[in-house]
Amino acid sequence: MSASLPRIYLEQEENAQLIRESSKHGPLACSFGGGRVWLAYDDEGKLRSSWALPLLSEWRGYTVSDGAGI
């Protein structure tokens, strides 16, 4: 992942929920490091599991977009 791409970090509970939701939406692509998990990007810099953004927005109660990590 390029250093300029933002990371959309996942809490443990969110990651578990997204794994369950992946059966309906497609594979969940994550990256790992430093004890954290975040949504992964492809080689072209596109979010691989963009279907997860609306779910994260709903669960977190605020808009999560490509580029809005916490």
PDB file of N, CA and C in Angstrom:
ATOM      1  N   MET A   1       0.838  -1.170   0.000  1.00  0.00           N
ATOM      2  CA  MET A   1       0.000   0.000   0.000  1.00  0.00           C
ATOM      3  C   MET A   1       0.880   1.229   0.000  1.00  0.00           C
ATOM      4  N   SER A   2       0.560   2.170  -0.831  1.00  0.00           N
ATOM      5  CA  SER A   2       1.295   3.419  -0.898  1.00  0.00           C
ATOM      6  C   SER A   2       1.111   4.197   0.396  1.00  0.00           C
ATOM      7  N   ALA A   3       2.159   4.916   0.798  1.00  0.00           N
ATOM      8  CA  ALA A   3       2.089   5.692   2.033  1.00  0.00           C
ATOM      9  C   ALA A   3       1.042   6.789   1.953  1.00  0.00           C
ATOM     10  N   SER A   4       0.662   7.212   0.755  1.00  0.00           N
ATOM     11  CA  SER A   4      -0.303   8.302   0.617  1.00  0.00           C
ATOM     12  C   SER A   4      -1.754   7.839   0.741  1.00  0.00           C
ATOM     13  N   LEU A   5      -2.016   6.549   0.689  1.00  0.00           N
ATOM     14  CA  LEU A   5      -3.386   6.049   0.813  1.00  0.00           C
ATOM     15  C   LEU A   5      -3.778   5.980   2.285  1.00  0.00           C
ATOM     16  N   PRO A   6      -4.946   6.503   2.629  1.00  0.00           N
ATOM     17  CA  PRO A   6      -5.379   6.485   4.029  1.00  0.00           C
ATOM     18  C   PRO A   6      -5.808   5.088   4.463  1.00  0.00           C
ATOM     19  N   ARG A   7      -5.697   4.832   5.724  1.00  0.00           N
ATOM     20  CA  ARG A   7      -6.117   3.542   6.264  1.00  0.00           C
ATOM     21  C   ARG A   7      -7.455   3.694   6.970  1.00  0.00           C
ATOM     22  N   ILE A   8      -8.365   2.797   6.680  1.00  0.00           N
ATOM     23  CA  ILE A   8      -9.653   2.749   7.367  1.00  0.00           C
ATOM     24  C   ILE A   8      -9.552   1.591   8.353  1.00  0.00           C
ATOM     25  N   TYR A   9      -9.210   1.944   9.590  1.00  0.00           N
ATOM     26  CA  TYR A   9      -8.988   0.942  10.622  1.00  0.00           C
ATOM     27  C   TYR A   9     -10.291   0.312  11.074  1.00  0.00           C
ATOM     28  N   LEU A  10     -10.192  -0.943  11.477  1.00  0.00           N
ATOM     29  CA  LEU A  10     -11.345  -1.696  11.960  1.00  0.00           C
ATOM     30  C   LEU A  10     -11.123  -2.103  13.407  1.00  0.00           C
ATOM     31  N   GLU A  11     -12.160  -1.949  14.195  1.00  0.00           N
ATOM     32  CA  GLU A  11     -12.149  -2.495  15.547  1.00  0.00           C
ATOM     33  C   GLU A  11     -12.413  -3.998  15.436  1.00  0.00           C
ATOM     34  N   GLN A  12     -12.073  -4.737  16.465  1.00  0.00           N
ATOM     35  CA  GLN A  12     -12.234  -6.192  16.442  1.00  0.00           C
ATOM     36  C   GLN A  12     -13.678  -6.591  16.156  1.00  0.00           C
ATOM     37  N   GLU A  13     -14.631  -5.915  16.791  1.00  0.00           N
ATOM     38  CA  GLU A  13     -16.044  -6.243  16.592  1.00  0.00           C
ATOM     39  C   GLU A  13     -16.489  -5.955  15.159  1.00  0.00           C
ATOM     40  N   GLU A  14     -16.006  -4.839  14.603  1.00  0.00           N
ATOM     41  CA  GLU A  14     -16.349  -4.493  13.217  1.00  0.00           C
ATOM     42  C   GLU A  14     -15.791  -5.532  12.258  1.00  0.00           C
ATOM     43  N   ASN A  15     -14.562  -5.953  12.500  1.00  0.00           N
ATOM     44  CA  ASN A  15     -13.939  -6.955  11.643  1.00  0.00           C
ATOM     45  C   ASN A  15     -14.757  -8.244  11.663  1.00  0.00           C
ATOM     46  N   ALA A  16     -15.186  -8.674  12.843  1.00  0.00           N
ATOM     47  CA  ALA A  16     -15.998  -9.891  12.954  1.00  0.00           C
ATOM     48  C   ALA A  16     -17.327  -9.726  12.221  1.00  0.00           C
ATOM     49  N   GLN A  17     -17.967  -8.569  12.367  1.00  0.00           N
ATOM     50  CA  GLN A  17     -19.235  -8.326  11.671  1.00  0.00           C
ATOM     51  C   GLN A  17     -19.035  -8.328  10.160  1.00  0.00           C
ATOM     52  N   LEU A  18     -17.953  -7.710   9.695  1.00  0.00           N
ATOM     53  CA  LEU A  18     -17.693  -7.660   8.254  1.00  0.00           C
ATOM     54  C   LEU A  18     -17.395  -9.048   7.694  1.00  0.00           C
ATOM     55  N   ILE A  19     -16.717  -9.873   8.468  1.00  0.00           N
ATOM     56  CA  ILE A  19     -16.471 -11.249   8.015  1.00  0.00           C
ATOM     57  C   ILE A  19     -17.798 -11.962   7.811  1.00  0.00           C
ATOM     58  N   ARG A  20     -18.736 -11.781   8.744  1.00  0.00           N
ATOM     59  CA  ARG A  20     -20.060 -12.397   8.588  1.00  0.00           C
ATOM     60  C   ARG A  20     -20.786 -11.826   7.370  1.00  0.00           C
ATOM     61  N   GLU A  21     -20.719 -10.512   7.172  1.00  0.00           N
ATOM     62  CA  GLU A  21     -21.392  -9.858   6.046  1.00  0.00           C
ATOM     63  C   GLU A  21     -20.775 -10.239   4.705  1.00  0.00           C
ATOM     64  N   SER A  22     -19.519 -10.661   4.702  1.00  0.00           N
ATOM     65  CA  SER A  22     -18.847 -10.991   3.440  1.00  0.00           C
ATOM     66  C   SER A  22     -19.536 -12.135   2.710  1.00  0.00           C
ATOM     67  N   SER A  23     -20.284 -12.963   3.424  1.00  0.00           N
ATOM     68  CA  SER A  23     -21.011 -14.043   2.748  1.00  0.00           C
ATOM     69  C   SER A  23     -22.084 -13.492   1.817  1.00  0.00           C
ATOM     70  N   LYS A  24     -22.555 -12.279   2.075  1.00  0.00           N
ATOM     71  CA  LYS A  24     -23.568 -11.634   1.230  1.00  0.00           C
ATOM     72  C   LYS A  24     -22.961 -10.693   0.194  1.00  0.00           C
ATOM     73  N   HIS A  25     -21.804 -10.116   0.511  1.00  0.00           N
ATOM     74  CA  HIS A  25     -21.268  -9.020  -0.296  1.00  0.00           C
ATOM     75  C   HIS A  25     -20.007  -9.358  -1.081  1.00  0.00           C
ATOM     76  N   GLY A  26     -19.299 -10.395  -0.710  1.00  0.00           N
ATOM     77  CA  GLY A  26     -18.055 -10.736  -1.384  1.00  0.00           C
ATOM     78  C   GLY A  26     -16.901 -10.740  -0.408  1.00  0.00           C
ATOM     79  N   PRO A  27     -15.713 -11.062  -0.888  1.00  0.00           N
ATOM     80  CA  PRO A  27     -14.563 -11.191  -0.005  1.00  0.00           C
ATOM     81  C   PRO A  27     -14.264  -9.903   0.765  1.00  0.00           C
ATOM     82  N   LEU A  28     -13.782 -10.081   1.984  1.00  0.00           N
ATOM     83  CA  LEU A  28     -13.322  -8.966   2.803  1.00  0.00           C
ATOM     84  C   LEU A  28     -11.804  -8.940   2.715  1.00  0.00           C
ATOM     85  N   ALA A  29     -11.266  -7.889   2.141  1.00  0.00           N
ATOM     86  CA  ALA A  29      -9.818  -7.761   1.977  1.00  0.00           C
ATOM     87  C   ALA A  29      -9.280  -6.805   3.036  1.00  0.00           C
ATOM     88  N   CYS A  30      -8.440  -7.341   3.911  1.00  0.00           N
ATOM     89  CA  CYS A  30      -7.858  -6.544   4.987  1.00  0.00           C
ATOM     90  C   CYS A  30      -6.343  -6.641   4.947  1.00  0.00           C
ATOM     91  N   SER A  31      -5.710  -5.638   5.523  1.00  0.00           N
ATOM     92  CA  SER A  31      -4.272  -5.647   5.748  1.00  0.00           C
ATOM     93  C   SER A  31      -4.056  -5.628   7.253  1.00  0.00           C
ATOM     94  N   PHE A  32      -2.910  -6.126   7.676  1.00  0.00           N
ATOM     95  CA  PHE A  32      -2.616  -6.250   9.092  1.00  0.00           C
ATOM     96  C   PHE A  32      -1.227  -5.707   9.373  1.00  0.00           C
ATOM     97  N   GLY A  33      -1.037  -5.189  10.574  1.00  0.00           N
ATOM     98  CA  GLY A  33       0.283  -4.759  10.990  1.00  0.00           C
ATOM     99  C   GLY A  33       0.220  -3.959  12.273  1.00  0.00           C
ATOM    100  N   GLY A  34       1.225  -4.122  13.097  1.00  0.00           N
ATOM    101  CA  GLY A  34       1.301  -3.349  14.324  1.00  0.00           C
ATOM    102  C   GLY A  34       0.110  -3.545  15.244  1.00  0.00           C
ATOM    103  N   GLY A  35      -0.481  -4.736  15.206  1.00  0.00           N
ATOM    104  CA  GLY A  35      -1.624  -5.022  16.048  1.00  0.00           C
ATOM    105  C   GLY A  35      -2.921  -4.394  15.579  1.00  0.00           C
ATOM    106  N   ARG A  36      -2.948  -3.883  14.348  1.00  0.00           N
ATOM    107  CA  ARG A  36      -4.149  -3.234  13.807  1.00  0.00           C
ATOM    108  C   ARG A  36      -4.592  -3.941  12.531  1.00  0.00           C
ATOM    109  N   VAL A  37      -5.860  -3.737  12.176  1.00  0.00           N
ATOM    110  CA  VAL A  37      -6.441  -4.272  10.943  1.00  0.00           C
ATOM    111  C   VAL A  37      -7.092  -3.112  10.214  1.00  0.00           C
ATOM    112  N   TRP A  38      -6.930  -3.049   8.882  1.00  0.00           N
ATOM    113  CA  TRP A  38      -7.570  -2.010   8.094  1.00  0.00           C
ATOM    114  C   TRP A  38      -7.987  -2.576   6.752  1.00  0.00           C
ATOM    115  N   LEU A  39      -8.914  -1.877   6.100  1.00  0.00           N
ATOM    116  CA  LEU A  39      -9.363  -2.308   4.778  1.00  0.00           C
ATOM    117  C   LEU A  39      -8.221  -2.171   3.781  1.00  0.00           C
ATOM    118  N   ALA A  40      -8.074  -3.157   2.912  1.00  0.00           N
ATOM    119  CA  ALA A  40      -6.961  -3.209   1.968  1.00  0.00           C
ATOM    120  C   ALA A  40      -7.296  -2.523   0.645  1.00  0.00           C
ATOM    121  N   TYR A  41      -6.247  -2.078  -0.018  1.00  0.00           N
ATOM    122  CA  TYR A  41      -6.324  -1.479  -1.348  1.00  0.00           C
ATOM    123  C   TYR A  41      -5.697  -2.421  -2.360  1.00  0.00           C
ATOM    124  N   ASP A  42      -6.120  -2.293  -3.629  1.00  0.00           N
ATOM    125  CA  ASP A  42      -5.483  -3.082  -4.679  1.00  0.00           C
ATOM    126  C   ASP A  42      -4.255  -2.332  -5.195  1.00  0.00           C
ATOM    127  N   ASP A  43      -3.603  -2.885  -6.196  1.00  0.00           N
ATOM    128  CA  ASP A  43      -2.386  -2.282  -6.738  1.00  0.00           C
ATOM    129  C   ASP A  43      -2.629  -0.935  -7.402  1.00  0.00           C
ATOM    130  N   GLU A  44      -3.877  -0.669  -7.779  1.00  0.00           N
ATOM    131  CA  GLU A  44      -4.213   0.606  -8.419  1.00  0.00           C
ATOM    132  C   GLU A  44      -4.674   1.650  -7.407  1.00  0.00           C
ATOM    133  N   GLY A  45      -4.666   1.299  -6.127  1.00  0.00           N
ATOM    134  CA  GLY A  45      -5.060   2.234  -5.088  1.00  0.00           C
ATOM    135  C   GLY A  45      -6.552   2.304  -4.831  1.00  0.00           C
ATOM    136  N   LYS A  46      -7.297   1.293  -5.310  1.00  0.00           N
ATOM    137  CA  LYS A  46      -8.746   1.260  -5.080  1.00  0.00           C
ATOM    138  C   LYS A  46      -9.043   0.353  -3.893  1.00  0.00           C
ATOM    139  N   LEU A  47      -9.997   0.769  -3.075  1.00  0.00           N
ATOM    140  CA  LEU A  47     -10.407  -0.031  -1.932  1.00  0.00           C
ATOM    141  C   LEU A  47     -10.991  -1.345  -2.431  1.00  0.00           C
ATOM    142  N   ARG A  48     -10.471  -2.469  -1.949  1.00  0.00           N
ATOM    143  CA  ARG A  48     -10.883  -3.782  -2.459  1.00  0.00           C
ATOM    144  C   ARG A  48     -12.246  -4.221  -1.944  1.00  0.00           C
ATOM    145  N   SER A  49     -12.631  -3.791  -0.765  1.00  0.00           N
ATOM    146  CA  SER A  49     -13.922  -4.181  -0.175  1.00  0.00           C
ATOM    147  C   SER A  49     -14.777  -2.943   0.052  1.00  0.00           C
ATOM    148  N   SER A  50     -15.027  -2.211  -1.015  1.00  0.00           N
ATOM    149  CA  SER A  50     -15.782  -0.956  -0.886  1.00  0.00           C
ATOM    150  C   SER A  50     -17.201  -1.184  -0.374  1.00  0.00           C
ATOM    151  N   TRP A  51     -17.727  -2.403  -0.503  1.00  0.00           N
ATOM    152  CA  TRP A  51     -19.053  -2.714   0.023  1.00  0.00           C
ATOM    153  C   TRP A  51     -19.118  -2.519   1.536  1.00  0.00           C
ATOM    154  N   ALA A  52     -17.966  -2.522   2.210  1.00  0.00           N
ATOM    155  CA  ALA A  52     -17.940  -2.390   3.669  1.00  0.00           C
ATOM    156  C   ALA A  52     -18.188  -0.961   4.146  1.00  0.00           C
ATOM    157  N   LEU A  53     -17.942   0.036   3.301  1.00  0.00           N
ATOM    158  CA  LEU A  53     -18.062   1.430   3.742  1.00  0.00           C
ATOM    159  C   LEU A  53     -19.458   1.800   4.231  1.00  0.00           C
ATOM    160  N   PRO A  54     -20.534   1.470   3.501  1.00  0.00           N
ATOM    161  CA  PRO A  54     -21.867   1.820   4.015  1.00  0.00           C
ATOM    162  C   PRO A  54     -22.192   1.131   5.347  1.00  0.00           C
ATOM    163  N   LEU A  55     -21.733  -0.089   5.516  1.00  0.00           N
ATOM    164  CA  LEU A  55     -21.973  -0.798   6.773  1.00  0.00           C
ATOM    165  C   LEU A  55     -21.222  -0.129   7.921  1.00  0.00           C
ATOM    166  N   LEU A  56     -19.967   0.230   7.690  1.00  0.00           N
ATOM    167  CA  LEU A  56     -19.202   0.918   8.728  1.00  0.00           C
ATOM    168  C   LEU A  56     -19.843   2.251   9.084  1.00  0.00           C
ATOM    169  N   SER A  57     -20.330   2.959   8.076  1.00  0.00           N
ATOM    170  CA  SER A  57     -21.008   4.235   8.333  1.00  0.00           C
ATOM    171  C   SER A  57     -22.224   4.031   9.225  1.00  0.00           C
ATOM    172  N   GLU A  58     -23.001   3.009   8.930  1.00  0.00           N
ATOM    173  CA  GLU A  58     -24.201   2.717   9.725  1.00  0.00           C
ATOM    174  C   GLU A  58     -23.830   2.349  11.160  1.00  0.00           C
ATOM    175  N   TRP A  59     -22.852   1.478  11.322  1.00  0.00           N
ATOM    176  CA  TRP A  59     -22.473   1.017  12.654  1.00  0.00           C
ATOM    177  C   TRP A  59     -21.826   2.117  13.483  1.00  0.00           C
ATOM    178  N   ARG A  60     -21.024   2.961  12.828  1.00  0.00           N
ATOM    179  CA  ARG A  60     -20.308   4.009  13.559  1.00  0.00           C
ATOM    180  C   ARG A  60     -21.153   5.258  13.777  1.00  0.00           C
ATOM    181  N   GLY A  61     -22.184   5.421  12.965  1.00  0.00           N
ATOM    182  CA  GLY A  61     -23.043   6.582  13.122  1.00  0.00           C
ATOM    183  C   GLY A  61     -22.505   7.842  12.473  1.00  0.00           C
ATOM    184  N   TYR A  62     -21.522   7.708  11.602  1.00  0.00           N
ATOM    185  CA  TYR A  62     -21.012   8.834  10.823  1.00  0.00           C
ATOM    186  C   TYR A  62     -20.486   8.307   9.499  1.00  0.00           C
ATOM    187  N   THR A  63     -20.316   9.203   8.560  1.00  0.00           N
ATOM    188  CA  THR A  63     -19.896   8.816   7.220  1.00  0.00           C
ATOM    189  C   THR A  63     -18.456   8.326   7.224  1.00  0.00           C
ATOM    190  N   VAL A  64     -18.277   7.159   6.660  1.00  0.00           N
ATOM    191  CA  VAL A  64     -16.947   6.598   6.456  1.00  0.00           C
ATOM    192  C   VAL A  64     -16.768   6.516   4.954  1.00  0.00           C
ATOM    193  N   SER A  65     -15.748   7.193   4.454  1.00  0.00           N
ATOM    194  CA  SER A  65     -15.505   7.151   3.016  1.00  0.00           C
ATOM    195  C   SER A  65     -14.061   6.771   2.777  1.00  0.00           C
ATOM    196  N   ASP A  66     -13.773   6.429   1.560  1.00  0.00           N
ATOM    197  CA  ASP A  66     -12.410   6.091   1.186  1.00  0.00           C
ATOM    198  C   ASP A  66     -11.546   7.284   1.561  1.00  0.00           C
ATOM    199  N   GLY A  67     -10.780   7.149   2.606  1.00  0.00           N
ATOM    200  CA  GLY A  67      -9.952   8.251   3.066  1.00  0.00           C
ATOM    201  C   GLY A  67     -10.306   8.739   4.453  1.00  0.00           C
ATOM    202  N   ALA A  68     -11.287   8.130   5.100  1.00  0.00           N
ATOM    203  CA  ALA A  68     -11.672   8.570   6.440  1.00  0.00           C
ATOM    204  C   ALA A  68     -11.433   7.455   7.435  1.00  0.00           C
ATOM    205  N   GLY A  69     -10.248   7.401   7.969  1.00  0.00           N
ATOM    206  CA  GLY A  69      -9.934   6.389   8.958  1.00  0.00           C
ATOM    207  C   GLY A  69      -9.944   6.959  10.358  1.00  0.00           C
ATOM    208  N   ILE A  70     -10.002   6.084  11.319  1.00  0.00           N
ATOM    209  CA  ILE A  70      -9.910   6.540  12.711  1.00  0.00           C
ATOM    210  C   ILE A  70      -8.814   5.780  13.414  1.00  0.00           C
TER     211      ILE A  70
END
